[in-house]
Each structure stands twice: as C-alpha cells, then as structure tokens.
C-alpha cells in the first residue's frame, strides 16, 4: 500500500449536503415513446453502445468472430471496426466528441492497457505517464483526452492529454474513480478527502484547475454548462453553482443520476416500489422510461442534446430515439 498523501496541491471547497434544495415545481411530462433501433454488430454478433455525440455518432464495442471485442463507431447506419493497437487483442470505445474523435482503451494479452485516440481513420497510442498502463475515460471538443495512467512505480494518476502533451492531475487514490469531464476541463468522479482514512473517505466532487469541490456522495456526469449529476444520501441530484437539487425517485427510496445533456436533461435509475427502473428527469419531472418503450433490463449509457439514448438490450447495441 502506498501511504496516503495530500490529493491536491490547491484548495478544497466543501459543499454542505445536509439539506437538499427541493426540485422545481413539476411541469407536464412528455408522452414521447422511444423507438428502439438495433445498431448492428461485427461478425461476433454481440455488442453495446457506450456513448454518443450531438451529431448522432455512436461508439462502443462489438465482438468479432474470434470472440474478441473491438471498438466500433456507428455513423449513418454504418458500423466501422476501429481495431486494436498492434499486438493487442481487444479494445473498447468509451466516448466521442463533436469532431468524431473517439476515445478508446486497447487491451493486450499480457493484461496491459493503453489509452488510444481514433482520429481521421487512424489509431493514436497516447502512451503513459511513465508506467506500463493507461486507460481512456473521455474526449471533449477541445480534443483533450481524459484518462488514468501510472507513473513508474506509482499508483494511477488522472491526466488530460492534448496534442501529445500530458497534464498530470494528481493521484487517483484507493477506491477513487473518474467518470466524466466537459469542454472546460472540469473532471468529476469520486475522491478520497481528508483525513483520507483507508480504504477511502469517499465523496463526489468536481476537480477544476487543481481545486476540488465536494458534491454529493458520488459525481457521475457533467455537461458543458457545468451542471453535475450523481447521488447524495442515496438520491439522484443535479448540482449547479453550489446548489444541489434532489431529483426525487420513482416511488422507492433510492435513485442515481448517471448522465446529463447540455439542456440539463438527466438520465439515471430509480427504485419503484418493486424494482430499479431507468428514468429521465426534465424540468422537475422524473419520467419512468419503462412507460416510454424502454425495458427494465435495458442498459442505458448516454443521452445527447436531442434526447436520444444509447446502450444495450441483452447482448445487442441499441439506440432509443
């Protein structure tokens, strides 16, 4: 175990979480019902969509005949195999920006991983911070790639990469995680804060210019307006400018917000009186997506500005539009 050290060199801002601001008064929910589109797969027949941009480009993975997973891009109904790095066996795409750049992690048979950027038909190995591994988490419209990598002999660090230059954002300590970032470079996830008890004094937070703002129990998504979503005290929230709004539930005790588009529409899951269901939250109204053509067992990963959703139904990649 590496002895805990201060997480950040900058200040830490703490947001009180004792009382959540009530959600705005409900507006009439949309009656839109989603049409489910099977995106198709490579020769292996399995796959999942993980992210999409506002233009409608979708990325994820699909299996080839050998059973290996390859990163793929779906554009205008056509699937493109983005491949793997030379000598590697598998890859998976995790994000796509408005230029069509795709963030990918490539996996070797030796269990080593590399963060990769696919741009203009080419795979670019981003390298590492000095160790053996790197992992891609996202790519924004400034063409920055967010990821993690170990410097030689150290635990993973968060990083931003752009045009071949790494910016080290500091260690990702035990049980911390990194989930998303926006065009301003705001990074959200889970952070181990003082007194940094082992394994983790875990909180959600936003990292901006070396300063951590504590937001909820876990921060899972951020949009380009700086709105953050996640969970606080077991309930989904949307945070903006220091105000944490409780999004409510679908009748049960728990909810979790996982993604948000640039119109402030939130995607997540909530308990009903019987089970977990996917939801959309818009203008103070939480809508159970199982009443709009989505199945309880569907995996919903992302939402774009048009309100389209991507994910998987069983072992098939799907678009909900």
C-alpha atoms as a PDB file:
ATOM      1  CA  UNK A   1       0.000   0.000   0.000  1.00  0.00           C
ATOM      2  CA  UNK A   2       1.232   3.479  -0.807  1.00  0.00           C
ATOM      3  CA  UNK A   3       0.950   5.823   2.142  1.00  0.00           C
ATOM      4  CA  UNK A   4      -1.754   8.461   1.620  1.00  0.00           C
ATOM      5  CA  UNK A   5      -0.534  11.903   0.583  1.00  0.00           C
ATOM      6  CA  UNK A   6      -2.457  15.116   0.006  1.00  0.00           C
ATOM      7  CA  UNK A   7      -4.709  14.611  -3.001  1.00  0.00           C
ATOM      8  CA  UNK A   8      -4.359  18.119  -4.388  1.00  0.00           C
ATOM      9  CA  UNK A   9      -1.955  20.999  -4.135  1.00  0.00           C
ATOM     10  CA  UNK A  10      -4.795  23.517  -4.478  1.00  0.00           C
ATOM     11  CA  UNK A  11      -7.599  24.347  -2.094  1.00  0.00           C
ATOM     12  CA  UNK A  12     -10.596  22.140  -1.424  1.00  0.00           C
ATOM     13  CA  UNK A  13     -14.095  23.594  -1.477  1.00  0.00           C
ATOM     14  CA  UNK A  14     -16.744  21.713   0.514  1.00  0.00           C
ATOM     15  CA  UNK A  15     -20.443  21.948  -0.281  1.00  0.00           C
ATOM     16  CA  UNK A  16     -22.791  21.225   2.625  1.00  0.00           C
ATOM     17  CA  UNK A  17     -25.073  18.266   1.944  1.00  0.00           C
ATOM     18  CA  UNK A  18     -27.309  18.221   4.986  1.00  0.00           C
ATOM     19  CA  UNK A  19     -30.347  19.693   3.246  1.00  0.00           C
ATOM     20  CA  UNK A  20     -31.093  19.254  -0.441  1.00  0.00           C
ATOM     21  CA  UNK A  21     -32.792  22.062  -2.310  1.00  0.00           C
ATOM     22  CA  UNK A  22     -36.307  21.000  -3.350  1.00  0.00           C
ATOM     23  CA  UNK A  23     -36.800  20.317  -7.048  1.00  0.00           C
ATOM     24  CA  UNK A  24     -38.691  22.924  -9.086  1.00  0.00           C
ATOM     25  CA  UNK A  25     -42.456  22.596  -9.396  1.00  0.00           C
ATOM     26  CA  UNK A  26     -43.304  19.794 -11.850  1.00  0.00           C
ATOM     27  CA  UNK A  27     -44.217  20.515 -15.439  1.00  0.00           C
ATOM     28  CA  UNK A  28     -46.301  18.223 -17.608  1.00  0.00           C
ATOM     29  CA  UNK A  29     -44.226  15.150 -18.567  1.00  0.00           C
ATOM     30  CA  UNK A  30     -43.553  14.294 -22.192  1.00  0.00           C
ATOM     31  CA  UNK A  31     -45.579  11.471 -23.688  1.00  0.00           C
ATOM     32  CA  UNK A  32     -42.805  10.629 -26.160  1.00  0.00           C
ATOM     33  CA  UNK A  33     -42.333   6.881 -26.644  1.00  0.00           C
ATOM     34  CA  UNK A  34     -38.920   5.703 -27.808  1.00  0.00           C
ATOM     35  CA  UNK A  35     -38.380   3.603 -30.901  1.00  0.00           C
ATOM     36  CA  UNK A  36     -35.641   1.018 -30.366  1.00  0.00           C
ATOM     37  CA  UNK A  37     -33.107   0.686 -33.194  1.00  0.00           C
ATOM     38  CA  UNK A  38     -30.693  -2.275 -33.275  1.00  0.00           C
ATOM     39  CA  UNK A  39     -27.373  -0.770 -34.387  1.00  0.00           C
ATOM     40  CA  UNK A  40     -25.893  -3.996 -35.733  1.00  0.00           C
ATOM     41  CA  UNK A  41     -22.638  -5.709 -34.830  1.00  0.00           C
ATOM     42  CA  UNK A  42     -19.430  -7.082 -36.271  1.00  0.00           C
ATOM     43  CA  UNK A  43     -19.127 -10.789 -37.116  1.00  0.00           C
ATOM     44  CA  UNK A  44     -19.218 -11.947 -33.477  1.00  0.00           C
ATOM     45  CA  UNK A  45     -22.801 -10.796 -33.010  1.00  0.00           C
ATOM     46  CA  UNK A  46     -22.526  -9.178 -29.554  1.00  0.00           C
ATOM     47  CA  UNK A  47     -22.026  -5.558 -28.617  1.00  0.00           C
ATOM     48  CA  UNK A  48     -23.030  -2.469 -26.667  1.00  0.00           C
ATOM     49  CA  UNK A  49     -23.167   1.266 -27.273  1.00  0.00           C
ATOM     50  CA  UNK A  50     -21.416   3.351 -24.622  1.00  0.00           C
ATOM     51  CA  UNK A  51     -21.587   6.999 -25.759  1.00  0.00           C
ATOM     52  CA  UNK A  52     -22.848   9.340 -28.476  1.00  0.00           C
ATOM     53  CA  UNK A  53     -22.389  12.920 -29.602  1.00  0.00           C
ATOM     54  CA  UNK A  54     -24.982  15.515 -30.539  1.00  0.00           C
ATOM     55  CA  UNK A  55     -24.478  14.798 -34.263  1.00  0.00           C
ATOM     56  CA  UNK A  56     -25.626  11.212 -33.725  1.00  0.00           C
ATOM     57  CA  UNK A  57     -22.259   9.419 -33.906  1.00  0.00           C
ATOM     58  CA  UNK A  58     -22.351   6.410 -31.565  1.00  0.00           C
ATOM     59  CA  UNK A  59     -19.425   4.424 -30.175  1.00  0.00           C
ATOM     60  CA  UNK A  60     -18.987   1.249 -28.176  1.00  0.00           C
ATOM     61  CA  UNK A  61     -17.758  -2.263 -28.820  1.00  0.00           C
ATOM     62  CA  UNK A  62     -18.688  -5.370 -30.755  1.00  0.00           C
ATOM     63  CA  UNK A  63     -17.287  -8.876 -30.924  1.00  0.00           C
ATOM     64  CA  UNK A  64     -15.547 -10.321 -33.962  1.00  0.00           C
ATOM     65  CA  UNK A  65     -15.673 -13.985 -34.995  1.00  0.00           C
ATOM     66  CA  UNK A  66     -12.908 -14.949 -32.543  1.00  0.00           C
ATOM     67  CA  UNK A  67     -14.951 -13.537 -29.642  1.00  0.00           C
ATOM     68  CA  UNK A  68     -12.583 -10.602 -29.122  1.00  0.00           C
ATOM     69  CA  UNK A  69     -14.107  -7.174 -28.575  1.00  0.00           C
ATOM     70  CA  UNK A  70     -13.282  -4.325 -30.935  1.00  0.00           C
ATOM     71  CA  UNK A  71     -14.042  -0.627 -30.557  1.00  0.00           C
ATOM     72  CA  UNK A  72     -16.650   0.436 -33.101  1.00  0.00           C
ATOM     73  CA  UNK A  73     -18.255   3.581 -34.479  1.00  0.00           C
ATOM     74  CA  UNK A  74     -21.811   3.698 -35.825  1.00  0.00           C
ATOM     75  CA  UNK A  75     -22.423   6.600 -38.212  1.00  0.00           C
ATOM     76  CA  UNK A  76     -25.404   6.992 -40.554  1.00  0.00           C
ATOM     77  CA  UNK A  77     -26.329   3.343 -40.075  1.00  0.00           C
ATOM     78  CA  UNK A  78     -22.843   2.024 -40.927  1.00  0.00           C
ATOM     79  CA  UNK A  79     -20.656   0.230 -38.362  1.00  0.00           C
ATOM     80  CA  UNK A  80     -16.877   0.764 -38.545  1.00  0.00           C
ATOM     81  CA  UNK A  81     -14.378  -1.503 -36.801  1.00  0.00           C
ATOM     82  CA  UNK A  82     -11.852   0.852 -35.185  1.00  0.00           C
ATOM     83  CA  UNK A  83      -9.466  -2.008 -34.479  1.00  0.00           C
ATOM     84  CA  UNK A  84      -6.848  -2.552 -31.775  1.00  0.00           C
ATOM     85  CA  UNK A  85      -3.248  -1.445 -31.321  1.00  0.00           C
ATOM     86  CA  UNK A  86      -0.649  -3.721 -32.969  1.00  0.00           C
ATOM     87  CA  UNK A  87      -0.151  -6.813 -30.827  1.00  0.00           C
ATOM     88  CA  UNK A  88      -3.269  -6.204 -28.722  1.00  0.00           C
ATOM     89  CA  UNK A  89      -6.343  -8.429 -28.633  1.00  0.00           C
ATOM     90  CA  UNK A  90      -9.305  -6.275 -27.611  1.00  0.00           C
ATOM     91  CA  UNK A  91     -10.458  -2.671 -27.484  1.00  0.00           C
ATOM     92  CA  UNK A  92     -13.483  -0.676 -26.393  1.00  0.00           C
ATOM     93  CA  UNK A  93     -14.601   2.854 -27.272  1.00  0.00           C
ATOM     94  CA  UNK A  94     -15.762   4.976 -24.338  1.00  0.00           C
ATOM     95  CA  UNK A  95     -16.536   8.422 -25.780  1.00  0.00           C
ATOM     96  CA  UNK A  96     -16.839  10.502 -28.956  1.00  0.00           C
ATOM     97  CA  UNK A  97     -16.647  14.285 -29.400  1.00  0.00           C
ATOM     98  CA  UNK A  98     -18.367  16.541 -31.933  1.00  0.00           C
ATOM     99  CA  UNK A  99     -15.430  16.193 -34.359  1.00  0.00           C
ATOM    100  CA  UNK A 100     -15.879  12.423 -34.400  1.00  0.00           C
ATOM    101  CA  UNK A 101     -12.695  11.760 -32.388  1.00  0.00           C
ATOM    102  CA  UNK A 102     -13.106   8.550 -30.381  1.00  0.00           C
ATOM    103  CA  UNK A 103     -11.527   7.740 -27.007  1.00  0.00           C
ATOM    104  CA  UNK A 104     -10.590   4.057 -26.788  1.00  0.00           C
ATOM    105  CA  UNK A 105      -8.817   1.699 -24.419  1.00  0.00           C
ATOM    106  CA  UNK A 106      -6.839  -1.087 -26.124  1.00  0.00           C
ATOM    107  CA  UNK A 107      -6.106  -4.310 -24.226  1.00  0.00           C
ATOM    108  CA  UNK A 108      -3.163  -6.698 -24.658  1.00  0.00           C
ATOM    109  CA  UNK A 109      -2.974 -10.415 -23.938  1.00  0.00           C
ATOM    110  CA  UNK A 110      -0.496  -9.514 -21.172  1.00  0.00           C
ATOM    111  CA  UNK A 111      -3.297  -7.535 -19.433  1.00  0.00           C
ATOM    112  CA  UNK A 112      -1.602  -4.227 -20.217  1.00  0.00           C
ATOM    113  CA  UNK A 113      -3.819  -1.370 -21.421  1.00  0.00           C
ATOM    114  CA  UNK A 114      -3.292   1.749 -23.488  1.00  0.00           C
ATOM    115  CA  UNK A 115      -5.361   4.891 -23.932  1.00  0.00           C
ATOM    116  CA  UNK A 116      -5.941   5.489 -27.633  1.00  0.00           C
ATOM    117  CA  UNK A 117      -7.423   8.294 -29.707  1.00  0.00           C
ATOM    118  CA  UNK A 118      -9.034   7.389 -33.062  1.00  0.00           C
ATOM    119  CA  UNK A 119      -8.950  10.394 -35.369  1.00  0.00           C
ATOM    120  CA  UNK A 120      -9.342  10.629 -39.147  1.00  0.00           C
ATOM    121  CA  UNK A 121      -9.207   6.874 -39.560  1.00  0.00           C
ATOM    122  CA  UNK A 122      -6.051   6.334 -37.503  1.00  0.00           C
ATOM    123  CA  UNK A 123      -5.375   4.933 -34.029  1.00  0.00           C
ATOM    124  CA  UNK A 124      -3.006   7.067 -31.957  1.00  0.00           C
ATOM    125  CA  UNK A 125      -1.378   5.426 -28.926  1.00  0.00           C
ATOM    126  CA  UNK A 126      -1.333   8.140 -26.257  1.00  0.00           C
ATOM    127  CA  UNK A 127       1.400   6.469 -24.239  1.00  0.00           C
ATOM    128  CA  UNK A 128       1.629   6.635 -20.446  1.00  0.00           C
ATOM    129  CA  UNK A 129       2.859   8.822 -17.612  1.00  0.00           C
ATOM    130  CA  UNK A 130       5.927   6.595 -17.369  1.00  0.00           C
ATOM    131  CA  UNK A 131       4.470   3.287 -16.238  1.00  0.00           C
ATOM    132  CA  UNK A 132       3.066   0.436 -18.323  1.00  0.00           C
ATOM    133  CA  UNK A 133      -0.634   1.240 -18.463  1.00  0.00           C
ATOM    134  CA  UNK A 134      -3.042   3.976 -19.437  1.00  0.00           C
ATOM    135  CA  UNK A 135      -6.850   3.982 -19.716  1.00  0.00           C
ATOM    136  CA  UNK A 136      -9.103   6.370 -21.644  1.00  0.00           C
ATOM    137  CA  UNK A 137     -12.216   7.799 -19.971  1.00  0.00           C
ATOM    138  CA  UNK A 138     -13.436  10.539 -22.322  1.00  0.00           C
ATOM    139  CA  UNK A 139     -12.687  13.059 -25.067  1.00  0.00           C
ATOM    140  CA  UNK A 140     -14.035  16.621 -25.257  1.00  0.00           C
ATOM    141  CA  UNK A 141     -14.474  19.165 -28.044  1.00  0.00           C
ATOM    142  CA  UNK A 142     -11.117  20.773 -27.243  1.00  0.00           C
ATOM    143  CA  UNK A 143      -9.712  17.393 -28.309  1.00  0.00           C
ATOM    144  CA  UNK A 144      -8.452  16.709 -24.804  1.00  0.00           C
ATOM    145  CA  UNK A 145      -8.496  13.082 -23.671  1.00  0.00           C
ATOM    146  CA  UNK A 146      -9.220  12.303 -20.020  1.00  0.00           C
ATOM    147  CA  UNK A 147      -7.727   9.132 -18.586  1.00  0.00           C
ATOM    148  CA  UNK A 148      -5.628   7.484 -15.931  1.00  0.00           C
ATOM    149  CA  UNK A 149      -2.068   6.175 -16.043  1.00  0.00           C
ATOM    150  CA  UNK A 150       0.616   5.091 -13.603  1.00  0.00           C
ATOM    151  CA  UNK A 151       3.887   6.960 -13.420  1.00  0.00           C
ATOM    152  CA  UNK A 152       6.728   4.462 -12.950  1.00  0.00           C
ATOM    153  CA  UNK A 153       6.421   2.825  -9.532  1.00  0.00           C
ATOM    154  CA  UNK A 154       3.280   4.722  -8.513  1.00  0.00           C
ATOM    155  CA  UNK A 155      -0.466   4.231  -8.357  1.00  0.00           C
ATOM    156  CA  UNK A 156      -2.631   5.640 -11.187  1.00  0.00           C
ATOM    157  CA  UNK A 157      -2.875   9.392 -11.760  1.00  0.00           C
ATOM    158  CA  UNK A 158      -5.628  11.233 -13.579  1.00  0.00           C
ATOM    159  CA  UNK A 159      -4.444  13.003 -16.703  1.00  0.00           C
ATOM    160  CA  UNK A 160      -5.506  15.236 -19.557  1.00  0.00           C
ATOM    161  CA  UNK A 161      -3.801  14.642 -22.917  1.00  0.00           C
ATOM    162  CA  UNK A 162      -3.805  17.027 -25.873  1.00  0.00           C
ATOM    163  CA  UNK A 163      -1.606  17.032 -28.952  1.00  0.00           C
ATOM    164  CA  UNK A 164       0.930  14.705 -27.375  1.00  0.00           C
ATOM    165  CA  UNK A 165       1.231  16.584 -24.073  1.00  0.00           C
ATOM    166  CA  UNK A 166       0.130  15.084 -20.747  1.00  0.00           C
ATOM    167  CA  UNK A 167      -1.166  17.218 -17.876  1.00  0.00           C
ATOM    168  CA  UNK A 168      -0.921  15.228 -14.650  1.00  0.00           C
ATOM    169  CA  UNK A 169      -3.982  15.930 -12.433  1.00  0.00           C
ATOM    170  CA  UNK A 170      -2.709  14.004  -9.423  1.00  0.00           C
ATOM    171  CA  UNK A 171      -3.190  10.583  -7.903  1.00  0.00           C
ATOM    172  CA  UNK A 172      -6.365   8.546  -8.101  1.00  0.00           C
ATOM    173  CA  UNK A 173      -6.241   7.001  -4.630  1.00  0.00           C
ATOM    174  CA  UNK A 174      -7.728   3.735  -3.379  1.00  0.00           C
ATOM    175  CA  UNK A 175     -11.456   3.456  -4.208  1.00  0.00           C
ATOM    176  CA  UNK A 176     -11.442   6.776  -6.069  1.00  0.00           C
ATOM    177  CA  UNK A 177     -12.841   6.840  -9.577  1.00  0.00           C
ATOM    178  CA  UNK A 178     -13.037   9.214 -12.534  1.00  0.00           C
ATOM    179  CA  UNK A 179     -16.200   9.329 -14.628  1.00  0.00           C
ATOM    180  CA  UNK A 180     -16.567  12.357 -16.902  1.00  0.00           C
ATOM    181  CA  UNK A 181     -15.351  15.806 -17.959  1.00  0.00           C
ATOM    182  CA  UNK A 182     -16.533  18.717 -20.078  1.00  0.00           C
ATOM    183  CA  UNK A 183     -15.152  21.215 -22.583  1.00  0.00           C
ATOM    184  CA  UNK A 184     -13.894  23.437 -19.748  1.00  0.00           C
ATOM    185  CA  UNK A 185     -11.785  20.550 -18.445  1.00  0.00           C
ATOM    186  CA  UNK A 186     -13.892  20.050 -15.288  1.00  0.00           C
ATOM    187  CA  UNK A 187     -13.348  16.460 -14.085  1.00  0.00           C
ATOM    188  CA  UNK A 188     -15.885  14.625 -11.917  1.00  0.00           C
ATOM    189  CA  UNK A 189     -15.795  11.375 -10.008  1.00  0.00           C
ATOM    190  CA  UNK A 190     -15.176  10.029  -6.526  1.00  0.00           C
ATOM    191  CA  UNK A 191     -12.446  11.473  -4.321  1.00  0.00           C
ATOM    192  CA  UNK A 192     -10.707  10.496  -1.073  1.00  0.00           C
ATOM    193  CA  UNK A 193     -10.693  13.595   1.129  1.00  0.00           C
ATOM    194  CA  UNK A 194      -9.046  14.421   4.439  1.00  0.00           C
ATOM    195  CA  UNK A 195      -8.475  12.578   6.745  1.00  0.00           C
ATOM    196  CA  UNK A 196      -8.164  10.034   3.885  1.00  0.00           C
ATOM    197  CA  UNK A 197      -8.906   7.013   6.052  1.00  0.00           C
ATOM    198  CA  UNK A 198      -8.125   3.661   4.415  1.00  0.00           C
ATOM    199  CA  UNK A 199      -9.670   2.486   2.190  1.00  0.00           C
ATOM    200  CA  UNK A 200     -11.476   5.779   1.460  1.00  0.00           C
ATOM    201  CA  UNK A 201     -13.165   8.816   2.929  1.00  0.00           C
ATOM    202  CA  UNK A 202     -15.122   8.929  -0.293  1.00  0.00           C
ATOM    203  CA  UNK A 203     -17.117  11.871  -1.656  1.00  0.00           C
ATOM    204  CA  UNK A 204     -18.293  13.014  -5.045  1.00  0.00           C
ATOM    205  CA  UNK A 205     -16.566  16.015  -6.490  1.00  0.00           C
ATOM    206  CA  UNK A 206     -15.546  18.273  -9.346  1.00  0.00           C
ATOM    207  CA  UNK A 207     -11.875  18.960 -10.000  1.00  0.00           C
ATOM    208  CA  UNK A 208     -11.248  22.332 -11.647  1.00  0.00           C
ATOM    209  CA  UNK A 209      -7.767  23.834 -12.000  1.00  0.00           C
ATOM    210  CA  UNK A 210      -6.450  21.798  -9.083  1.00  0.00           C
ATOM    211  CA  UNK A 211      -9.339  22.730  -6.764  1.00  0.00           C
ATOM    212  CA  UNK A 212     -11.740  20.039  -5.558  1.00  0.00           C
ATOM    213  CA  UNK A 213     -15.352  20.990  -4.885  1.00  0.00           C
ATOM    214  CA  UNK A 214     -17.151  18.303  -2.895  1.00  0.00           C
ATOM    215  CA  UNK A 215     -20.529  17.476  -4.475  1.00  0.00           C
ATOM    216  CA  UNK A 216     -22.683  14.704  -3.060  1.00  0.00           C
ATOM    217  CA  UNK A 217     -21.646  11.134  -2.380  1.00  0.00           C
ATOM    218  CA  UNK A 218     -20.598  10.387  -5.965  1.00  0.00           C
ATOM    219  CA  UNK A 219     -20.414  12.595  -9.056  1.00  0.00           C
ATOM    220  CA  UNK A 220     -21.096  10.667 -12.259  1.00  0.00           C
ATOM    221  CA  UNK A 221     -21.662  13.153 -15.067  1.00  0.00           C
ATOM    222  CA  UNK A 222     -21.073  16.775 -16.064  1.00  0.00           C
ATOM    223  CA  UNK A 223     -22.246  18.833 -19.037  1.00  0.00           C
ATOM    224  CA  UNK A 224     -20.776  21.854 -20.791  1.00  0.00           C
ATOM    225  CA  UNK A 225     -22.887  24.205 -18.645  1.00  0.00           C
ATOM    226  CA  UNK A 226     -21.051  22.945 -15.558  1.00  0.00           C
ATOM    227  CA  UNK A 227     -24.062  21.046 -14.205  1.00  0.00           C
ATOM    228  CA  UNK A 228     -23.038  17.903 -12.294  1.00  0.00           C
ATOM    229  CA  UNK A 229     -25.170  14.832 -11.563  1.00  0.00           C
ATOM    230  CA  UNK A 230     -24.747  11.871  -9.250  1.00  0.00           C
ATOM    231  CA  UNK A 231     -26.014  10.721  -5.867  1.00  0.00           C
ATOM    232  CA  UNK A 232     -26.216  12.324  -2.445  1.00  0.00           C
ATOM    233  CA  UNK A 233     -27.571  10.439   0.556  1.00  0.00           C
ATOM    234  CA  UNK A 234     -28.913   7.746  -1.765  1.00  0.00           C
ATOM    235  CA  UNK A 235     -30.829  10.157  -4.008  1.00  0.00           C
ATOM    236  CA  UNK A 236     -30.149  11.442  -7.509  1.00  0.00           C
ATOM    237  CA  UNK A 237     -29.089  15.086  -7.698  1.00  0.00           C
ATOM    238  CA  UNK A 238     -28.303  17.825 -10.178  1.00  0.00           C
ATOM    239  CA  UNK A 239     -25.788  20.426  -8.959  1.00  0.00           C
ATOM    240  CA  UNK A 240     -25.209  23.888 -10.383  1.00  0.00           C
ATOM    241  CA  UNK A 241     -23.334  26.873  -8.961  1.00  0.00           C
ATOM    242  CA  UNK A 242     -23.332  25.487  -5.426  1.00  0.00           C
ATOM    243  CA  UNK A 243     -26.990  24.414  -5.367  1.00  0.00           C
ATOM    244  CA  UNK A 244     -27.771  20.701  -5.035  1.00  0.00           C
ATOM    245  CA  UNK A 245     -31.247  19.741  -6.267  1.00  0.00           C
ATOM    246  CA  UNK A 246     -32.808  16.460  -5.130  1.00  0.00           C
ATOM    247  CA  UNK A 247     -34.377  14.868  -8.230  1.00  0.00           C
ATOM    248  CA  UNK A 248     -36.636  12.523  -6.258  1.00  0.00           C
ATOM    249  CA  UNK A 249     -37.453   8.890  -7.013  1.00  0.00           C
ATOM    250  CA  UNK A 250     -39.981   6.777  -8.905  1.00  0.00           C
ATOM    251  CA  UNK A 251     -41.703   5.799  -5.674  1.00  0.00           C
ATOM    252  CA  UNK A 252     -38.941   3.875  -3.932  1.00  0.00           C
ATOM    253  CA  UNK A 253     -36.231   5.052  -1.555  1.00  0.00           C
ATOM    254  CA  UNK A 254     -33.262   5.307  -3.904  1.00  0.00           C
ATOM    255  CA  UNK A 255     -32.224   6.960  -7.134  1.00  0.00           C
ATOM    256  CA  UNK A 256     -28.999   7.611  -9.046  1.00  0.00           C
ATOM    257  CA  UNK A 257     -28.271  10.116 -11.830  1.00  0.00           C
ATOM    258  CA  UNK A 258     -25.655   8.950 -14.334  1.00  0.00           C
ATOM    259  CA  UNK A 259     -25.593  11.400 -17.278  1.00  0.00           C
ATOM    260  CA  UNK A 260     -26.779  14.869 -18.281  1.00  0.00           C
ATOM    261  CA  UNK A 261     -27.012  16.595 -21.654  1.00  0.00           C
ATOM    262  CA  UNK A 262     -26.393  20.270 -22.407  1.00  0.00           C
ATOM    263  CA  UNK A 263     -30.093  21.060 -21.999  1.00  0.00           C
ATOM    264  CA  UNK A 264     -29.973  19.853 -18.406  1.00  0.00           C
ATOM    265  CA  UNK A 265     -31.957  16.652 -19.033  1.00  0.00           C
ATOM    266  CA  UNK A 266     -30.802  13.952 -16.618  1.00  0.00           C
ATOM    267  CA  UNK A 267     -30.571  10.194 -17.178  1.00  0.00           C
ATOM    268  CA  UNK A 268     -30.498   7.703 -14.323  1.00  0.00           C
ATOM    269  CA  UNK A 269     -32.088   4.855 -12.417  1.00  0.00           C
ATOM    270  CA  UNK A 270     -34.509   4.818  -9.512  1.00  0.00           C
ATOM    271  CA  UNK A 271     -36.269   2.287  -7.372  1.00  0.00           C
ATOM    272  CA  UNK A 272     -40.010   1.919  -7.650  1.00  0.00           C
ATOM    273  CA  UNK A 273     -41.925   0.020  -5.005  1.00  0.00           C
ATOM    274  CA  UNK A 274     -40.657  -3.186  -6.650  1.00  0.00           C
ATOM    275  CA  UNK A 275     -37.511  -2.713  -8.785  1.00  0.00           C
ATOM    276  CA  UNK A 276     -34.949  -0.365 -10.346  1.00  0.00           C
ATOM    277  CA  UNK A 277     -36.194   1.456 -13.464  1.00  0.00           C
ATOM    278  CA  UNK A 278     -34.405   3.842 -15.863  1.00  0.00           C
ATOM    279  CA  UNK A 279     -35.615   7.444 -15.754  1.00  0.00           C
ATOM    280  CA  UNK A 280     -35.320  10.828 -17.416  1.00  0.00           C
ATOM    281  CA  UNK A 281     -35.625  13.994 -15.342  1.00  0.00           C
ATOM    282  CA  UNK A 282     -36.617  17.187 -17.130  1.00  0.00           C
ATOM    283  CA  UNK A 283     -37.911  20.491 -15.724  1.00  0.00           C
ATOM    284  CA  UNK A 284     -38.729  18.994 -12.345  1.00  0.00           C
ATOM    285  CA  UNK A 285     -40.443  15.856 -13.669  1.00  0.00           C
ATOM    286  CA  UNK A 286     -38.973  12.347 -13.348  1.00  0.00           C
ATOM    287  CA  UNK A 287     -40.340  10.043 -16.063  1.00  0.00           C
ATOM    288  CA  UNK A 288     -40.189   6.261 -15.771  1.00  0.00           C
ATOM    289  CA  UNK A 289     -38.717   5.172 -19.103  1.00  0.00           C
ATOM    290  CA  UNK A 290     -40.401   1.777 -18.873  1.00  0.00           C
ATOM    291  CA  UNK A 291     -43.595   3.687 -19.705  1.00  0.00           C
ATOM    292  CA  UNK A 292     -41.895   5.058 -22.842  1.00  0.00           C
ATOM    293  CA  UNK A 293     -40.746   1.882 -24.610  1.00  0.00           C
ATOM    294  CA  UNK A 294     -37.591   1.126 -22.580  1.00  0.00           C
ATOM    295  CA  UNK A 295     -37.330  -2.197 -20.756  1.00  0.00           C
ATOM    296  CA  UNK A 296     -36.434  -2.522 -17.093  1.00  0.00           C
ATOM    297  CA  UNK A 297     -33.462  -4.713 -18.094  1.00  0.00           C
ATOM    298  CA  UNK A 298     -32.086  -2.331 -20.753  1.00  0.00           C
ATOM    299  CA  UNK A 299     -28.703  -0.769 -20.083  1.00  0.00           C
ATOM    300  CA  UNK A 300     -28.854   2.973 -20.883  1.00  0.00           C
ATOM    301  CA  UNK A 301     -25.440   4.649 -21.036  1.00  0.00           C
ATOM    302  CA  UNK A 302     -25.735   8.129 -22.552  1.00  0.00           C
ATOM    303  CA  UNK A 303     -28.061  10.907 -23.733  1.00  0.00           C
ATOM    304  CA  UNK A 304     -27.397  13.588 -26.346  1.00  0.00           C
ATOM    305  CA  UNK A 305     -28.871  17.055 -26.801  1.00  0.00           C
ATOM    306  CA  UNK A 306     -31.683  15.650 -28.954  1.00  0.00           C
ATOM    307  CA  UNK A 307     -32.759  13.348 -26.138  1.00  0.00           C
ATOM    308  CA  UNK A 308     -31.615  10.196 -27.926  1.00  0.00           C
ATOM    309  CA  UNK A 309     -30.358   7.381 -25.713  1.00  0.00           C
ATOM    310  CA  UNK A 310     -27.830   4.620 -26.339  1.00  0.00           C
ATOM    311  CA  UNK A 311     -26.993   1.394 -24.564  1.00  0.00           C
ATOM    312  CA  UNK A 312     -27.719  -2.297 -24.897  1.00  0.00           C
ATOM    313  CA  UNK A 313     -30.697  -4.631 -24.887  1.00  0.00           C
ATOM    314  CA  UNK A 314     -29.407  -8.024 -23.932  1.00  0.00           C
ATOM    315  CA  UNK A 315     -26.252  -8.553 -25.992  1.00  0.00           C
ATOM    316  CA  UNK A 316     -27.234  -6.097 -28.730  1.00  0.00           C
ATOM    317  CA  UNK A 317     -26.230  -2.418 -29.102  1.00  0.00           C
ATOM    318  CA  UNK A 318     -29.256  -0.157 -29.413  1.00  0.00           C
ATOM    319  CA  UNK A 319     -30.326   3.424 -29.998  1.00  0.00           C
ATOM    320  CA  UNK A 320     -33.509   4.778 -28.401  1.00  0.00           C
ATOM    321  CA  UNK A 321     -34.934   7.667 -30.412  1.00  0.00           C
END
